[in-house]
Amino acid sequence: MPAAHAAQAGPQWPVALAEGRLPDDVAGLAQQLAGFFTQVPDWDTDVLALIQ
């Protein structure tokens, strides 16, 4: 995943998880990905500044 895409996806994960529409077999993986994205909250600023 390009860094800019990750930066854009990061804020969307909590919203997607809150909707609760994920099948049980992928819910654990989705939680892990959400945790990863929330560990890097400044990506949107840093990455987008670097690629522009």
Protein backbone atom coordinates (compact mmCIF):
# COMPACT_ATOMS: atom_id res chain seq x y z
CA MET A 1 0.00 0.00 0.00
CA PRO A 2 1.48 3.37 -0.92
CA ALA A 3 2.10 5.56 2.10
CA ALA A 4 -0.36 8.19 0.90
CA HIS A 5 -3.10 5.54 0.73
CA ALA A 6 -2.26 4.38 4.23
CA ALA A 7 -2.48 7.96 5.44
CA GLN A 8 -5.92 8.31 3.91
CA ALA A 9 -7.12 4.93 5.18
CA GLY A 10 -5.98 5.46 8.77
CA PRO A 11 -8.82 7.72 9.94
CA GLN A 12 -11.39 5.52 8.21
CA TRP A 13 -10.62 2.34 10.17
CA PRO A 14 -12.30 3.37 13.44
CA VAL A 15 -15.42 4.35 11.51
CA ALA A 16 -15.48 1.04 9.63
CA LEU A 17 -15.02 -0.97 12.81
CA ALA A 18 -17.74 0.96 14.60
CA GLU A 19 -20.22 -0.02 11.91
CA GLY A 20 -19.81 -3.64 13.00
CA ARG A 21 -20.44 -5.19 9.61
CA LEU A 22 -17.35 -7.35 9.46
CA PRO A 23 -17.66 -11.13 9.45
CA ASP A 24 -16.26 -12.81 12.54
CA ASP A 25 -13.46 -14.48 10.58
CA VAL A 26 -11.88 -11.13 9.63
CA ALA A 27 -12.81 -9.01 12.65
CA GLY A 28 -9.60 -9.88 14.52
CA LEU A 29 -7.41 -8.96 11.58
CA ALA A 30 -9.34 -5.73 11.09
CA GLN A 31 -8.73 -4.83 14.74
CA GLN A 32 -5.01 -5.43 14.26
CA LEU A 33 -4.92 -3.21 11.19
CA ALA A 34 -6.84 -0.49 13.00
CA GLY A 35 -4.31 -0.68 15.82
CA PHE A 36 -1.47 -0.32 13.35
CA PHE A 37 -3.01 2.72 11.71
CA THR A 38 -3.71 4.40 15.05
CA GLN A 39 -0.04 4.03 16.04
CA VAL A 40 0.97 6.45 13.31
CA PRO A 41 -1.49 9.36 13.63
CA ASP A 42 0.84 11.86 11.98
CA TRP A 43 1.17 9.95 8.71
CA ASP A 44 -1.43 12.09 7.00
CA THR A 45 0.59 15.24 7.61
CA ASP A 46 4.10 13.83 7.24
CA VAL A 47 3.56 11.60 4.21
CA LEU A 48 1.43 13.99 2.25
CA ALA A 49 3.96 16.78 2.87
CA LEU A 50 6.76 14.57 1.56
CA ILE A 51 5.05 13.56 -1.67
CA GLN A 52 3.77 16.97 -2.72
